[in-house]
Amino acid sequence: MSPTNRFHADPSVGFAPLCSLSGDIGPGIRATFRRLLDRLPPWAEVFQAGRMIGRAGGTEALRVVIRRLRPEAIPSLLAGEMEPEALDGALVSILPLAGQLRVAGGELALSIDLTAMGISPRVGIEINGDTRFHMGRPGNWPRLLGVMCEAQAAHPQLIERVLRAVGRHRLFARIPAAALLVGISHAKLLPTAAGPAAKIYLGARLWHGIAAGRDDDAK
């Protein structure tokens, strides 16, 4: 597979709406971004690029998420753009677990912050469930979350609560069809001094009704 999105065809097109929302992206960050594009393996692509405007200093860096990236390609991609000690610390902490999750069926995406000086030490690896995932269904998340628990990246009791939240939740007793569908959007591995730590992101959407005969499908 080869990249098809507009960031690869013309990065300035993708930057235009970001600049209108959060100010111009300086030449230093643009240069870091172009070097990153040149270093991407043939199968990888920039999936998202944006600014964390809700955080202090969030407009001073460009958050980039790269998908279709194999774990073994990450070290060489980041080398030369991060301080060696910061790079080694991040990868030693999260890369082995990311590899286990990929074997267990998780899809990986690299989350990094680009600055004028290169890539920030703030590195994360996003984990996505299987392509059959639908909001309100667990998909293969019980298996992936189990791997995280075994690696002590997530607490078993908290994972149990997360999985209990997944599903269809009725909103009104008199309107059985109206429901809130809750599912797991993705997880993220972050390096800490104690080892990898997982963040779990939930998503929800309003379900107004269910076609006759398909009610059990949404449970």
N, C-alpha and C. Protein backbone atom coordinates (compact mmCIF):
# COMPACT_ATOMS: atom_id res chain seq x y z
N MET A 1 0.85 -1.20 0.00
CA MET A 1 0.00 0.00 0.00
C MET A 1 0.88 1.25 0.00
N SER A 2 0.40 2.29 -0.61
CA SER A 2 1.14 3.55 -0.64
C SER A 2 0.24 4.67 -0.12
N PRO A 3 0.83 5.72 0.46
CA PRO A 3 0.03 6.82 0.99
C PRO A 3 -0.79 7.50 -0.09
N THR A 4 -1.99 7.94 0.28
CA THR A 4 -2.86 8.58 -0.70
C THR A 4 -3.40 9.93 -0.22
N ASN A 5 -3.09 10.31 1.03
CA ASN A 5 -3.73 11.53 1.52
C ASN A 5 -2.98 12.79 1.08
N ARG A 6 -3.61 13.93 1.31
CA ARG A 6 -3.09 15.18 0.77
C ARG A 6 -1.83 15.68 1.48
N PHE A 7 -1.59 15.24 2.71
CA PHE A 7 -0.37 15.66 3.39
C PHE A 7 0.86 15.21 2.61
N HIS A 8 0.77 14.04 1.99
CA HIS A 8 1.90 13.53 1.24
C HIS A 8 2.00 14.20 -0.13
N ALA A 9 0.85 14.46 -0.73
CA ALA A 9 0.86 15.08 -2.05
C ALA A 9 1.31 16.54 -1.98
N ASP A 10 0.82 17.26 -0.96
CA ASP A 10 1.16 18.68 -0.81
C ASP A 10 0.90 19.08 0.64
N PRO A 11 1.93 19.07 1.50
CA PRO A 11 1.72 19.39 2.91
C PRO A 11 1.08 20.74 3.15
N SER A 12 1.33 21.73 2.29
CA SER A 12 0.77 23.06 2.50
C SER A 12 -0.76 23.04 2.45
N VAL A 13 -1.33 22.12 1.68
CA VAL A 13 -2.79 22.01 1.61
C VAL A 13 -3.35 21.57 2.96
N GLY A 14 -2.69 20.61 3.58
CA GLY A 14 -3.14 20.16 4.89
C GLY A 14 -2.92 21.17 5.98
N PHE A 15 -1.87 22.00 5.85
CA PHE A 15 -1.57 22.98 6.87
C PHE A 15 -2.50 24.18 6.83
N ALA A 16 -3.09 24.45 5.69
CA ALA A 16 -3.90 25.67 5.54
C ALA A 16 -4.99 25.80 6.59
N PRO A 17 -5.87 24.80 6.80
CA PRO A 17 -6.90 24.95 7.82
C PRO A 17 -6.34 25.03 9.24
N LEU A 18 -5.21 24.36 9.50
CA LEU A 18 -4.60 24.44 10.83
C LEU A 18 -4.13 25.86 11.11
N CYS A 19 -3.53 26.50 10.12
CA CYS A 19 -3.03 27.86 10.30
C CYS A 19 -4.18 28.84 10.56
N SER A 20 -5.31 28.61 9.90
CA SER A 20 -6.46 29.51 10.08
C SER A 20 -7.05 29.37 11.48
N LEU A 21 -6.90 28.20 12.09
CA LEU A 21 -7.48 27.96 13.42
C LEU A 21 -6.54 28.33 14.55
N SER A 22 -5.25 28.11 14.38
CA SER A 22 -4.35 28.25 15.52
C SER A 22 -3.07 29.01 15.22
N GLY A 23 -3.07 29.79 14.16
CA GLY A 23 -1.88 30.58 13.83
C GLY A 23 -0.94 29.84 12.89
N ASP A 24 -0.04 30.60 12.30
CA ASP A 24 0.84 30.04 11.28
C ASP A 24 1.76 28.97 11.85
N ILE A 25 2.05 27.97 11.06
CA ILE A 25 3.02 26.94 11.41
C ILE A 25 4.37 27.40 10.90
N GLY A 26 5.29 27.62 11.83
CA GLY A 26 6.58 28.21 11.49
C GLY A 26 7.42 27.36 10.56
N PRO A 27 8.43 27.98 9.95
CA PRO A 27 9.28 27.24 8.99
C PRO A 27 10.04 26.09 9.63
N GLY A 28 10.39 26.22 10.92
CA GLY A 28 11.10 25.14 11.59
C GLY A 28 10.27 23.88 11.68
N ILE A 29 9.00 24.01 12.08
CA ILE A 29 8.12 22.85 12.17
C ILE A 29 7.84 22.29 10.79
N ARG A 30 7.66 23.16 9.81
CA ARG A 30 7.44 22.69 8.43
C ARG A 30 8.64 21.86 7.95
N ALA A 31 9.84 22.33 8.29
CA ALA A 31 11.04 21.59 7.87
C ALA A 31 11.11 20.22 8.55
N THR A 32 10.76 20.18 9.85
CA THR A 32 10.74 18.90 10.55
C THR A 32 9.72 17.96 9.93
N PHE A 33 8.56 18.50 9.56
CA PHE A 33 7.51 17.68 8.95
C PHE A 33 7.96 17.10 7.62
N ARG A 34 8.61 17.92 6.80
CA ARG A 34 9.06 17.43 5.49
C ARG A 34 10.15 16.36 5.64
N ARG A 35 11.02 16.54 6.63
CA ARG A 35 12.04 15.49 6.87
C ARG A 35 11.36 14.20 7.31
N LEU A 36 10.31 14.33 8.11
CA LEU A 36 9.58 13.14 8.55
C LEU A 36 8.95 12.43 7.36
N LEU A 37 8.33 13.17 6.45
CA LEU A 37 7.73 12.56 5.26
C LEU A 37 8.78 11.81 4.44
N ASP A 38 9.97 12.40 4.33
CA ASP A 38 11.03 11.77 3.54
C ASP A 38 11.51 10.47 4.18
N ARG A 39 11.34 10.33 5.51
CA ARG A 39 11.85 9.17 6.22
C ARG A 39 10.80 8.07 6.38
N LEU A 40 9.56 8.35 6.03
CA LEU A 40 8.50 7.36 6.22
C LEU A 40 8.73 6.13 5.34
N PRO A 41 8.51 4.93 5.87
CA PRO A 41 8.56 3.73 5.03
C PRO A 41 7.45 3.79 3.97
N PRO A 42 7.56 3.04 2.91
CA PRO A 42 6.58 3.11 1.82
C PRO A 42 5.15 2.83 2.23
N TRP A 43 4.94 1.99 3.25
CA TRP A 43 3.58 1.60 3.62
C TRP A 43 2.94 2.54 4.63
N ALA A 44 3.72 3.43 5.22
CA ALA A 44 3.20 4.29 6.29
C ALA A 44 2.66 5.59 5.72
N GLU A 45 1.75 6.23 6.48
CA GLU A 45 1.23 7.52 6.07
C GLU A 45 0.79 8.35 7.27
N VAL A 46 0.81 9.66 7.09
CA VAL A 46 0.31 10.56 8.12
C VAL A 46 -1.20 10.47 8.13
N PHE A 47 -1.75 10.05 9.26
CA PHE A 47 -3.18 9.87 9.40
C PHE A 47 -3.84 11.14 9.92
N GLN A 48 -3.20 11.81 10.89
CA GLN A 48 -3.73 13.04 11.46
C GLN A 48 -2.59 14.01 11.71
N ALA A 49 -2.89 15.28 11.64
CA ALA A 49 -1.96 16.33 12.03
C ALA A 49 -2.77 17.49 12.58
N GLY A 50 -2.37 17.98 13.73
CA GLY A 50 -3.12 19.06 14.34
C GLY A 50 -2.38 19.64 15.52
N ARG A 51 -3.04 20.55 16.19
CA ARG A 51 -2.45 21.20 17.36
C ARG A 51 -3.31 20.95 18.58
N MET A 52 -2.68 20.74 19.71
CA MET A 52 -3.38 20.50 20.97
C MET A 52 -3.66 21.84 21.62
N ILE A 53 -4.62 22.58 21.05
CA ILE A 53 -4.85 23.97 21.48
C ILE A 53 -5.42 24.06 22.88
N GLY A 54 -5.92 22.96 23.43
CA GLY A 54 -6.46 22.99 24.78
C GLY A 54 -5.40 22.83 25.85
N ARG A 55 -4.14 22.62 25.47
CA ARG A 55 -3.07 22.42 26.43
C ARG A 55 -2.10 23.59 26.41
N ALA A 56 -1.47 23.83 27.55
CA ALA A 56 -0.46 24.87 27.63
C ALA A 56 0.68 24.53 26.67
N GLY A 57 1.02 25.46 25.82
CA GLY A 57 2.08 25.22 24.85
C GLY A 57 1.66 24.34 23.70
N GLY A 58 0.36 24.04 23.60
CA GLY A 58 -0.10 23.13 22.55
C GLY A 58 0.04 23.68 21.15
N THR A 59 0.08 25.01 21.01
CA THR A 59 0.22 25.59 19.67
C THR A 59 1.67 25.72 19.24
N GLU A 60 2.59 25.34 20.13
CA GLU A 60 4.00 25.46 19.81
C GLU A 60 4.56 24.21 19.13
N ALA A 61 3.73 23.18 19.01
CA ALA A 61 4.17 21.94 18.36
C ALA A 61 3.06 21.45 17.45
N LEU A 62 3.39 20.53 16.58
CA LEU A 62 2.42 19.94 15.66
C LEU A 62 2.29 18.46 16.01
N ARG A 63 1.12 18.06 16.46
CA ARG A 63 0.88 16.65 16.79
C ARG A 63 0.59 15.88 15.49
N VAL A 64 1.35 14.83 15.27
CA VAL A 64 1.22 14.02 14.06
C VAL A 64 1.01 12.57 14.45
N VAL A 65 0.06 11.92 13.81
CA VAL A 65 -0.20 10.50 14.04
C VAL A 65 0.05 9.76 12.73
N ILE A 66 0.89 8.74 12.80
CA ILE A 66 1.28 7.98 11.62
C ILE A 66 0.76 6.56 11.76
N ARG A 67 0.00 6.10 10.79
CA ARG A 67 -0.56 4.76 10.84
C ARG A 67 0.12 3.86 9.81
N ARG A 68 -0.26 2.57 9.84
CA ARG A 68 0.35 1.58 8.96
C ARG A 68 1.87 1.55 9.14
N LEU A 69 2.27 1.57 10.41
CA LEU A 69 3.69 1.60 10.73
C LEU A 69 4.03 0.39 11.61
N ARG A 70 4.98 -0.40 11.19
CA ARG A 70 5.38 -1.58 11.94
C ARG A 70 6.29 -1.18 13.10
N PRO A 71 6.22 -1.89 14.23
CA PRO A 71 7.05 -1.52 15.39
C PRO A 71 8.54 -1.42 15.07
N GLU A 72 9.03 -2.34 14.24
CA GLU A 72 10.47 -2.35 13.96
C GLU A 72 10.92 -1.15 13.12
N ALA A 73 9.96 -0.42 12.52
CA ALA A 73 10.31 0.75 11.71
C ALA A 73 10.38 2.03 12.54
N ILE A 74 9.89 1.99 13.78
CA ILE A 74 9.80 3.21 14.59
C ILE A 74 11.17 3.75 15.00
N PRO A 75 12.11 2.92 15.49
CA PRO A 75 13.41 3.48 15.93
C PRO A 75 14.12 4.26 14.83
N SER A 76 14.22 3.70 13.63
CA SER A 76 14.93 4.39 12.56
C SER A 76 14.20 5.65 12.11
N LEU A 77 12.87 5.66 12.24
CA LEU A 77 12.11 6.84 11.85
C LEU A 77 12.39 8.01 12.79
N LEU A 78 12.53 7.72 14.08
CA LEU A 78 12.74 8.77 15.07
C LEU A 78 14.21 9.14 15.26
N ALA A 79 15.11 8.25 14.89
CA ALA A 79 16.54 8.49 15.09
C ALA A 79 16.97 9.75 14.34
N GLY A 80 17.77 10.57 15.01
CA GLY A 80 18.25 11.80 14.38
C GLY A 80 17.34 12.98 14.60
N GLU A 81 16.09 12.73 15.03
CA GLU A 81 15.14 13.81 15.28
C GLU A 81 14.83 13.97 16.77
N MET A 82 15.39 13.07 17.61
CA MET A 82 15.21 13.13 19.05
C MET A 82 16.55 12.96 19.74
N GLU A 83 16.64 13.47 20.96
CA GLU A 83 17.84 13.20 21.76
C GLU A 83 17.96 11.69 21.99
N PRO A 84 19.15 11.13 21.81
CA PRO A 84 19.31 9.66 21.92
C PRO A 84 18.80 9.09 23.23
N GLU A 85 19.06 9.76 24.35
CA GLU A 85 18.61 9.24 25.65
C GLU A 85 17.09 9.22 25.74
N ALA A 86 16.46 10.29 25.26
CA ALA A 86 15.00 10.36 25.28
C ALA A 86 14.40 9.30 24.37
N LEU A 87 15.01 9.09 23.23
CA LEU A 87 14.53 8.08 22.29
C LEU A 87 14.65 6.69 22.88
N ASP A 88 15.80 6.38 23.44
CA ASP A 88 16.00 5.05 24.04
C ASP A 88 15.03 4.81 25.18
N GLY A 89 14.83 5.83 26.03
CA GLY A 89 13.93 5.68 27.17
C GLY A 89 12.51 5.41 26.74
N ALA A 90 12.05 6.13 25.72
CA ALA A 90 10.67 5.96 25.25
C ALA A 90 10.48 4.59 24.61
N LEU A 91 11.40 4.19 23.76
CA LEU A 91 11.22 2.94 23.01
C LEU A 91 11.39 1.71 23.89
N VAL A 92 12.32 1.77 24.84
CA VAL A 92 12.50 0.63 25.75
C VAL A 92 11.24 0.41 26.56
N SER A 93 10.54 1.50 26.87
CA SER A 93 9.35 1.40 27.72
C SER A 93 8.14 0.86 26.97
N ILE A 94 7.90 1.34 25.76
CA ILE A 94 6.62 1.02 25.12
C ILE A 94 6.70 0.12 23.89
N LEU A 95 7.86 0.01 23.25
CA LEU A 95 7.92 -0.73 22.00
C LEU A 95 7.66 -2.23 22.16
N PRO A 96 8.23 -2.91 23.18
CA PRO A 96 7.93 -4.34 23.32
C PRO A 96 6.45 -4.63 23.50
N LEU A 97 5.77 -3.84 24.32
CA LEU A 97 4.34 -4.05 24.53
C LEU A 97 3.56 -3.77 23.25
N ALA A 98 3.97 -2.75 22.50
CA ALA A 98 3.30 -2.45 21.24
C ALA A 98 3.41 -3.64 20.28
N GLY A 99 4.57 -4.29 20.27
CA GLY A 99 4.73 -5.47 19.43
C GLY A 99 3.81 -6.60 19.84
N GLN A 100 3.64 -6.81 21.16
CA GLN A 100 2.73 -7.84 21.64
C GLN A 100 1.29 -7.54 21.25
N LEU A 101 0.91 -6.28 21.33
CA LEU A 101 -0.46 -5.90 20.98
C LEU A 101 -0.72 -6.06 19.48
N ARG A 102 0.29 -5.83 18.68
CA ARG A 102 0.13 -6.03 17.23
C ARG A 102 -0.09 -7.51 16.93
N VAL A 103 0.66 -8.37 17.60
CA VAL A 103 0.48 -9.81 17.43
C VAL A 103 -0.92 -10.23 17.88
N ALA A 104 -1.44 -9.56 18.90
CA ALA A 104 -2.78 -9.88 19.42
C ALA A 104 -3.91 -9.30 18.56
N GLY A 105 -3.57 -8.61 17.48
CA GLY A 105 -4.59 -8.11 16.57
C GLY A 105 -4.80 -6.62 16.60
N GLY A 106 -3.99 -5.88 17.35
CA GLY A 106 -4.14 -4.43 17.40
C GLY A 106 -3.44 -3.75 16.23
N GLU A 107 -4.04 -2.66 15.78
CA GLU A 107 -3.43 -1.83 14.74
C GLU A 107 -2.70 -0.68 15.43
N LEU A 108 -1.44 -0.43 15.04
CA LEU A 108 -0.62 0.57 15.72
C LEU A 108 -0.56 1.87 14.93
N ALA A 109 -0.43 2.98 15.67
CA ALA A 109 -0.19 4.28 15.07
C ALA A 109 0.74 5.05 16.00
N LEU A 110 1.74 5.69 15.44
CA LEU A 110 2.72 6.44 16.21
C LEU A 110 2.25 7.88 16.39
N SER A 111 2.23 8.36 17.63
CA SER A 111 1.82 9.72 17.94
C SER A 111 3.03 10.50 18.42
N ILE A 112 3.38 11.58 17.72
CA ILE A 112 4.56 12.38 18.05
C ILE A 112 4.25 13.86 17.92
N ASP A 113 5.04 14.68 18.61
CA ASP A 113 4.93 16.13 18.51
C ASP A 113 6.15 16.67 17.77
N LEU A 114 5.91 17.43 16.71
CA LEU A 114 7.00 18.02 15.94
C LEU A 114 7.25 19.45 16.42
N THR A 115 8.52 19.79 16.59
CA THR A 115 8.92 21.14 16.96
C THR A 115 9.92 21.64 15.93
N ALA A 116 10.34 22.88 16.09
CA ALA A 116 11.34 23.44 15.17
C ALA A 116 12.68 22.74 15.33
N MET A 117 12.90 22.10 16.48
CA MET A 117 14.18 21.43 16.75
C MET A 117 14.17 19.95 16.41
N GLY A 118 13.01 19.41 16.08
CA GLY A 118 12.90 17.99 15.78
C GLY A 118 11.65 17.40 16.40
N ILE A 119 11.75 16.19 16.94
CA ILE A 119 10.62 15.50 17.53
C ILE A 119 10.72 15.57 19.04
N SER A 120 9.64 15.96 19.69
CA SER A 120 9.59 16.07 21.14
C SER A 120 9.72 14.70 21.80
N PRO A 121 10.24 14.64 23.04
CA PRO A 121 10.30 13.36 23.77
C PRO A 121 8.92 12.79 24.08
N ARG A 122 7.87 13.57 23.88
CA ARG A 122 6.51 13.10 24.14
C ARG A 122 6.08 12.16 23.00
N VAL A 123 6.36 10.88 23.17
CA VAL A 123 6.05 9.88 22.15
C VAL A 123 5.01 8.92 22.69
N GLY A 124 4.03 8.57 21.87
CA GLY A 124 3.03 7.59 22.26
C GLY A 124 2.71 6.66 21.10
N ILE A 125 2.19 5.50 21.42
CA ILE A 125 1.77 4.56 20.39
C ILE A 125 0.29 4.28 20.60
N GLU A 126 -0.52 4.61 19.61
CA GLU A 126 -1.96 4.38 19.69
C GLU A 126 -2.28 2.97 19.23
N ILE A 127 -3.25 2.38 19.89
CA ILE A 127 -3.70 1.03 19.57
C ILE A 127 -5.15 1.10 19.15
N ASN A 128 -5.46 0.55 18.01
CA ASN A 128 -6.84 0.49 17.53
C ASN A 128 -7.28 -0.96 17.43
N GLY A 129 -8.57 -1.20 17.67
CA GLY A 129 -9.11 -2.55 17.61
C GLY A 129 -9.30 -3.01 16.17
N ASP A 130 -9.93 -4.16 16.01
CA ASP A 130 -10.10 -4.72 14.67
C ASP A 130 -11.08 -3.90 13.85
N THR A 131 -11.06 -4.12 12.55
CA THR A 131 -11.87 -3.33 11.63
C THR A 131 -13.36 -3.63 11.75
N ARG A 132 -13.71 -4.70 12.47
CA ARG A 132 -15.12 -5.04 12.63
C ARG A 132 -15.75 -4.31 13.80
N PHE A 133 -14.95 -3.47 14.48
CA PHE A 133 -15.46 -2.78 15.65
C PHE A 133 -16.60 -1.83 15.28
N HIS A 134 -17.67 -1.91 16.03
CA HIS A 134 -18.77 -0.96 15.92
C HIS A 134 -19.04 -0.39 17.30
N MET A 135 -19.43 0.86 17.35
CA MET A 135 -19.72 1.47 18.64
C MET A 135 -20.76 0.64 19.39
N GLY A 136 -20.46 0.31 20.62
CA GLY A 136 -21.37 -0.49 21.42
C GLY A 136 -21.00 -1.96 21.45
N ARG A 137 -19.98 -2.37 20.69
CA ARG A 137 -19.51 -3.75 20.70
C ARG A 137 -18.06 -3.80 21.17
N PRO A 138 -17.68 -4.84 21.89
CA PRO A 138 -16.31 -4.89 22.40
C PRO A 138 -15.26 -5.22 21.36
N GLY A 139 -15.64 -5.87 20.24
CA GLY A 139 -14.65 -6.25 19.25
C GLY A 139 -13.57 -7.13 19.87
N ASN A 140 -12.31 -6.87 19.55
CA ASN A 140 -11.23 -7.66 20.15
C ASN A 140 -10.55 -6.93 21.31
N TRP A 141 -11.24 -5.93 21.87
CA TRP A 141 -10.65 -5.17 22.96
C TRP A 141 -10.42 -5.99 24.23
N PRO A 142 -11.30 -6.93 24.60
CA PRO A 142 -10.99 -7.72 25.80
C PRO A 142 -9.62 -8.40 25.70
N ARG A 143 -9.29 -8.91 24.53
CA ARG A 143 -7.98 -9.55 24.34
C ARG A 143 -6.85 -8.54 24.45
N LEU A 144 -6.99 -7.39 23.79
CA LEU A 144 -5.94 -6.38 23.81
C LEU A 144 -5.74 -5.80 25.22
N LEU A 145 -6.84 -5.54 25.90
CA LEU A 145 -6.74 -5.00 27.25
C LEU A 145 -6.14 -6.02 28.21
N GLY A 146 -6.39 -7.31 27.96
CA GLY A 146 -5.78 -8.36 28.76
C GLY A 146 -4.27 -8.36 28.63
N VAL A 147 -3.78 -8.12 27.42
CA VAL A 147 -2.33 -8.04 27.20
C VAL A 147 -1.75 -6.86 27.97
N MET A 148 -2.47 -5.73 27.98
CA MET A 148 -2.01 -4.56 28.71
C MET A 148 -1.96 -4.83 30.22
N CYS A 149 -2.95 -5.56 30.72
CA CYS A 149 -2.96 -5.90 32.15
C CYS A 149 -1.79 -6.80 32.51
N GLU A 150 -1.50 -7.78 31.66
CA GLU A 150 -0.39 -8.69 31.93
C GLU A 150 0.94 -7.94 31.97
N ALA A 151 1.04 -6.88 31.19
CA ALA A 151 2.26 -6.08 31.17
C ALA A 151 2.25 -4.99 32.25
N GLN A 152 1.19 -4.97 33.05
CA GLN A 152 1.02 -3.99 34.13
C GLN A 152 0.98 -2.56 33.61
N ALA A 153 0.50 -2.41 32.39
CA ALA A 153 0.29 -1.07 31.82
C ALA A 153 -1.08 -0.53 32.15
N ALA A 154 -1.96 -1.40 32.62
CA ALA A 154 -3.32 -1.00 32.99
C ALA A 154 -3.76 -1.83 34.19
N HIS A 155 -4.61 -1.25 35.03
CA HIS A 155 -5.07 -1.94 36.23
C HIS A 155 -6.26 -2.82 35.90
N PRO A 156 -6.27 -4.08 36.31
CA PRO A 156 -7.37 -5.00 35.95
C PRO A 156 -8.75 -4.50 36.36
N GLN A 157 -8.87 -3.89 37.53
CA GLN A 157 -10.19 -3.43 37.97
C GLN A 157 -10.69 -2.28 37.11
N LEU A 158 -9.78 -1.40 36.71
CA LEU A 158 -10.20 -0.30 35.83
C LEU A 158 -10.59 -0.82 34.45
N ILE A 159 -9.85 -1.81 33.95
CA ILE A 159 -10.19 -2.41 32.67
C ILE A 159 -11.56 -3.06 32.74
N GLU A 160 -11.85 -3.72 33.84
CA GLU A 160 -13.17 -4.35 34.01
C GLU A 160 -14.27 -3.31 33.96
N ARG A 161 -14.05 -2.16 34.56
CA ARG A 161 -15.05 -1.09 34.53
C ARG A 161 -15.23 -0.54 33.12
N VAL A 162 -14.12 -0.41 32.41
CA VAL A 162 -14.21 0.08 31.03
C VAL A 162 -15.05 -0.86 30.18
N LEU A 163 -14.79 -2.16 30.29
CA LEU A 163 -15.53 -3.13 29.48
C LEU A 163 -17.00 -3.18 29.87
N ARG A 164 -17.30 -2.94 31.15
CA ARG A 164 -18.71 -2.89 31.56
C ARG A 164 -19.42 -1.69 30.96
N ALA A 165 -18.67 -0.63 30.70
CA ALA A 165 -19.28 0.57 30.11
C ALA A 165 -19.60 0.40 28.64
N VAL A 166 -18.91 -0.53 27.98
CA VAL A 166 -19.13 -0.76 26.55
C VAL A 166 -20.47 -1.45 26.34
N GLY A 167 -21.25 -0.93 25.41
CA GLY A 167 -22.53 -1.56 25.10
C GLY A 167 -23.63 -0.53 24.86
N ARG A 168 -24.83 -1.02 24.87
CA ARG A 168 -26.01 -0.19 24.62
C ARG A 168 -26.67 0.15 25.95
N HIS A 169 -26.84 1.45 26.21
CA HIS A 169 -27.43 1.92 27.47
C HIS A 169 -28.73 2.65 27.17
N ARG A 170 -29.83 2.14 27.69
CA ARG A 170 -31.12 2.77 27.45
C ARG A 170 -31.18 4.13 28.13
N LEU A 171 -31.80 5.08 27.43
CA LEU A 171 -31.91 6.44 27.96
C LEU A 171 -33.25 6.69 28.63
N PHE A 172 -34.33 6.15 28.05
CA PHE A 172 -35.67 6.41 28.58
C PHE A 172 -36.43 5.09 28.69
N ALA A 173 -37.07 4.87 29.82
CA ALA A 173 -37.83 3.63 30.02
C ALA A 173 -38.97 3.50 29.03
N ARG A 174 -39.56 4.62 28.65
CA ARG A 174 -40.73 4.59 27.75
C ARG A 174 -40.35 4.53 26.28
N ILE A 175 -39.08 4.71 25.97
CA ILE A 175 -38.63 4.68 24.57
C ILE A 175 -37.51 3.66 24.48
N PRO A 176 -37.84 2.38 24.36
CA PRO A 176 -36.82 1.33 24.37
C PRO A 176 -35.76 1.48 23.29
N ALA A 177 -36.17 2.05 22.14
CA ALA A 177 -35.23 2.12 21.02
C ALA A 177 -34.15 3.19 21.22
N ALA A 178 -34.44 4.20 22.03
CA ALA A 178 -33.47 5.27 22.24
C ALA A 178 -32.38 4.78 23.18
N ALA A 179 -31.13 4.89 22.74
CA ALA A 179 -30.04 4.37 23.55
C ALA A 179 -28.76 5.13 23.27
N LEU A 180 -27.83 5.00 24.19
CA LEU A 180 -26.50 5.54 24.02
C LEU A 180 -25.55 4.37 23.80
N LEU A 181 -24.89 4.36 22.66
CA LEU A 181 -23.94 3.29 22.35
C LEU A 181 -22.54 3.74 22.75
N VAL A 182 -21.92 3.00 23.64
CA VAL A 182 -20.59 3.34 24.15
C VAL A 182 -19.60 2.28 23.69
N GLY A 183 -18.49 2.71 23.17
CA GLY A 183 -17.46 1.79 22.73
C GLY A 183 -16.07 2.36 23.01
N ILE A 184 -15.06 1.56 22.77
CA ILE A 184 -13.67 2.01 22.94
C ILE A 184 -13.18 2.56 21.61
N SER A 185 -12.76 3.81 21.63
CA SER A 185 -12.24 4.43 20.42
C SER A 185 -10.83 3.92 20.13
N HIS A 186 -9.93 4.08 21.10
CA HIS A 186 -8.57 3.58 20.95
C HIS A 186 -7.88 3.64 22.31
N ALA A 187 -6.72 3.05 22.37
CA ALA A 187 -5.87 3.13 23.57
C ALA A 187 -4.55 3.76 23.15
N LYS A 188 -3.81 4.22 24.16
CA LYS A 188 -2.53 4.85 23.87
C LYS A 188 -1.51 4.43 24.91
N LEU A 189 -0.35 3.99 24.45
CA LEU A 189 0.74 3.62 25.33
C LEU A 189 1.69 4.80 25.49
N LEU A 190 2.03 5.12 26.75
CA LEU A 190 2.93 6.21 27.03
C LEU A 190 4.08 5.71 27.91
N PRO A 191 5.29 6.19 27.68
CA PRO A 191 6.41 5.76 28.53
C PRO A 191 6.41 6.50 29.87
N THR A 192 6.66 5.79 30.95
CA THR A 192 6.82 6.39 32.27
C THR A 192 8.05 5.77 32.92
N ALA A 193 8.47 6.35 34.05
CA ALA A 193 9.63 5.81 34.75
C ALA A 193 9.39 4.39 35.24
N ALA A 194 8.12 4.05 35.48
CA ALA A 194 7.78 2.72 35.98
C ALA A 194 7.48 1.72 34.87
N GLY A 195 7.55 2.16 33.62
CA GLY A 195 7.22 1.28 32.51
C GLY A 195 6.08 1.85 31.68
N PRO A 196 5.54 1.07 30.74
CA PRO A 196 4.47 1.59 29.88
C PRO A 196 3.18 1.79 30.65
N ALA A 197 2.47 2.85 30.31
CA ALA A 197 1.16 3.14 30.90
C ALA A 197 0.15 3.29 29.76
N ALA A 198 -1.05 2.78 29.96
CA ALA A 198 -2.08 2.82 28.92
C ALA A 198 -3.16 3.83 29.26
N LYS A 199 -3.58 4.58 28.27
CA LYS A 199 -4.75 5.45 28.38
C LYS A 199 -5.82 4.87 27.47
N ILE A 200 -7.05 4.81 27.95
CA ILE A 200 -8.15 4.25 27.18
C ILE A 200 -9.13 5.37 26.84
N TYR A 201 -9.49 5.48 25.57
CA TYR A 201 -10.40 6.52 25.12
C TYR A 201 -11.74 5.90 24.73
N LEU A 202 -12.79 6.34 25.39
CA LEU A 202 -14.13 5.86 25.07
C LEU A 202 -14.82 6.82 24.11
N GLY A 203 -15.73 6.28 23.33
CA GLY A 203 -16.56 7.09 22.45
C GLY A 203 -18.02 6.73 22.65
N ALA A 204 -18.90 7.65 22.33
CA ALA A 204 -20.34 7.39 22.50
C ALA A 204 -21.11 8.08 21.39
N ARG A 205 -22.22 7.47 21.00
CA ARG A 205 -23.11 8.11 20.04
C ARG A 205 -24.55 7.75 20.36
N LEU A 206 -25.43 8.65 20.00
CA LEU A 206 -26.86 8.45 20.26
C LEU A 206 -27.46 7.55 19.21
N TRP A 207 -28.22 6.56 19.65
CA TRP A 207 -28.89 5.62 18.75
C TRP A 207 -30.38 5.87 18.86
N HIS A 208 -31.00 6.31 17.76
CA HIS A 208 -32.41 6.72 17.80
C HIS A 208 -33.37 5.55 17.60
N GLY A 209 -32.96 4.51 16.98
CA GLY A 209 -33.86 3.40 16.73
C GLY A 209 -33.16 2.25 16.07
N ILE A 210 -33.77 1.09 16.11
CA ILE A 210 -33.17 -0.12 15.58
C ILE A 210 -34.16 -0.79 14.64
N ALA A 211 -33.67 -1.22 13.50
CA ALA A 211 -34.55 -1.88 12.53
C ALA A 211 -35.12 -3.15 13.12
N ALA A 212 -36.32 -3.48 12.74
CA ALA A 212 -36.99 -4.67 13.25
C ALA A 212 -36.16 -5.91 12.98
N GLY A 213 -36.04 -6.75 14.02
CA GLY A 213 -35.32 -7.99 13.87
C GLY A 213 -33.82 -7.88 14.06
N ARG A 214 -33.29 -6.63 14.31
CA ARG A 214 -31.86 -6.47 14.45
C ARG A 214 -31.50 -5.93 15.83
N ASP A 215 -32.43 -5.97 16.74
CA ASP A 215 -32.20 -5.43 18.07
C ASP A 215 -31.04 -6.13 18.78
N ASP A 216 -30.94 -7.45 18.63
CA ASP A 216 -29.90 -8.19 19.32
C ASP A 216 -28.51 -7.85 18.81
N ASP A 217 -28.44 -7.36 17.55
CA ASP A 217 -27.15 -7.04 16.97
C ASP A 217 -26.47 -5.91 17.71
N ALA A 218 -27.22 -5.01 18.29
CA ALA A 218 -26.63 -3.83 18.90
C ALA A 218 -26.30 -4.03 20.37
N LYS A 219 -26.67 -5.17 20.93
CA LYS A 219 -26.44 -5.40 22.35
C LYS A 219 -25.01 -5.85 22.61
